[in-house]
Protein backbone atom coordinates (compact mmCIF):
# COMPACT_ATOMS: atom_id res chain seq x y z
CA MET A 1 0.01 -0.01 0.01
CA PHE A 2 1.27 3.44 -0.91
CA ASP A 3 1.80 5.70 2.07
CA PHE A 4 0.83 9.22 1.09
CA PHE A 5 2.13 10.70 4.35
CA LYS A 6 5.70 9.40 3.83
CA PHE A 7 5.62 10.54 0.17
CA PHE A 8 4.71 14.05 1.12
CA GLY A 9 6.99 13.98 4.09
CA LYS A 10 9.90 13.26 1.78
CA GLU A 11 8.97 16.10 -0.51
CA GLU A 12 8.69 18.51 2.38
CA SER A 13 12.10 17.35 3.68
CA SER A 14 13.58 17.99 0.13
CA SER A 15 11.99 21.44 0.01
CA LYS A 16 13.27 22.08 3.53
CA ASN A 17 16.88 21.14 2.50
CA ILE A 18 16.74 23.19 -0.64
CA ALA A 19 15.54 26.25 1.47
CA LYS A 20 18.23 25.55 4.07
CA GLU A 21 20.96 25.51 1.35
CA ARG A 22 19.68 28.82 -0.15
CA LEU A 23 19.69 30.38 3.22
CA LYS A 24 23.32 29.16 3.81
CA LEU A 25 24.25 30.86 0.57
CA VAL A 26 22.61 34.08 1.56
CA LEU A 27 24.36 34.11 4.87
CA ILE A 28 27.85 33.36 3.30
CA HIS A 29 27.40 36.29 0.79
CA ASP A 30 26.26 38.45 3.61
CA ARG A 31 29.33 37.50 5.88
CA ALA A 32 31.67 37.87 3.01
CA ASN A 33 30.15 41.41 2.43
CA VAL A 34 29.68 40.56 -1.24
CA SER A 35 26.88 42.14 -3.20
CA PRO A 36 25.27 40.77 -6.31
CA LYS A 37 26.72 43.71 -8.22
CA PHE A 38 30.22 42.70 -7.04
CA LEU A 39 29.67 39.10 -8.20
CA ASP A 40 28.65 40.42 -11.62
CA MET A 41 31.81 42.47 -11.79
CA ILE A 42 33.88 39.33 -11.01
CA LYS A 43 31.89 37.33 -13.63
CA GLY A 44 32.60 39.96 -16.24
CA ASP A 45 36.34 40.01 -15.45
CA ILE A 46 36.57 36.18 -15.49
CA MET A 47 34.77 36.17 -18.91
CA LYS A 48 37.18 38.75 -20.33
CA VAL A 49 40.21 36.68 -19.32
CA ILE A 50 39.09 33.30 -20.44
CA SER A 51 37.66 34.44 -23.72
CA ASP A 52 41.20 34.51 -25.16
CA TYR A 53 41.42 30.86 -24.48
CA MET A 54 38.04 29.32 -24.90
CA GLU A 55 34.51 29.78 -26.29
CA PHE A 56 31.79 29.41 -23.46
CA ASP A 57 28.10 30.01 -23.01
CA SER A 58 27.99 33.27 -21.10
CA ASP A 59 24.41 32.88 -20.17
CA GLU A 60 25.07 29.67 -18.29
CA ILE A 61 28.05 30.99 -16.23
CA ASP A 62 27.34 30.45 -12.47
CA ILE A 63 29.61 32.41 -10.03
CA ARG A 64 29.08 32.13 -6.33
CA ILE A 65 30.74 32.31 -3.01
CA THR A 66 30.53 29.50 -0.60
CA ARG A 67 32.12 28.02 2.55
CA VAL A 68 34.67 25.26 2.34
CA GLN A 69 36.48 23.34 5.00
CA ASN A 70 40.26 23.49 4.78
CA LYS A 71 42.90 21.01 5.94
CA ASP A 72 42.86 22.52 9.47
CA SER A 73 39.15 21.82 9.82
CA ASP A 74 38.53 25.61 9.63
CA TYR A 75 36.04 27.10 7.29
CA THR A 76 36.81 29.70 4.68
CA SER A 77 35.09 31.39 1.80
CA ALA A 78 35.67 30.08 -1.64
CA LEU A 79 34.77 31.47 -5.12
CA ILE A 80 33.05 28.73 -7.24
CA ALA A 81 32.72 29.33 -10.99
CA ASN A 82 30.77 26.84 -13.20
CA ILE A 83 31.65 27.76 -16.70
CA PRO A 84 30.19 25.56 -19.55
CA ILE A 85 33.00 25.45 -22.23
CA LYS A 86 31.89 25.11 -25.75
CA LYS A 87 35.34 24.88 -27.46
CA MET A 88 38.98 25.54 -26.74
CA LYS A 89 40.71 28.06 -28.89
CA LYS A 90 43.97 27.35 -30.62
CA ILE A 91 46.79 29.23 -29.11
CA GLY A 92 50.21 29.80 -30.51
CA LYS A 93 53.41 28.71 -28.64
CA ASN A 94 53.97 32.30 -27.40
CA PRO A 95 50.55 33.81 -26.58
CA GLY A 96 51.91 37.01 -25.29
């Protein structure tokens, strides 16, 4: 027999976890004193730098700040960039 209460309980738990993760991200951004405008500036700078080396989908780039645990079991902020690469560009032996 299908238990509707368990089914909806799992869904609620999943939504709860998603909300919890979103709240963590908001708190991390707040503690790092990083505004969405600042992240957009970083995103623009990263796109400028890597555009010489690869083609990427600029609409799909995801830049965020998160907390990671380092080897001393302390937590620190980390910049995470998810950049979908379409194709690498051919670069000469001496690019500069």
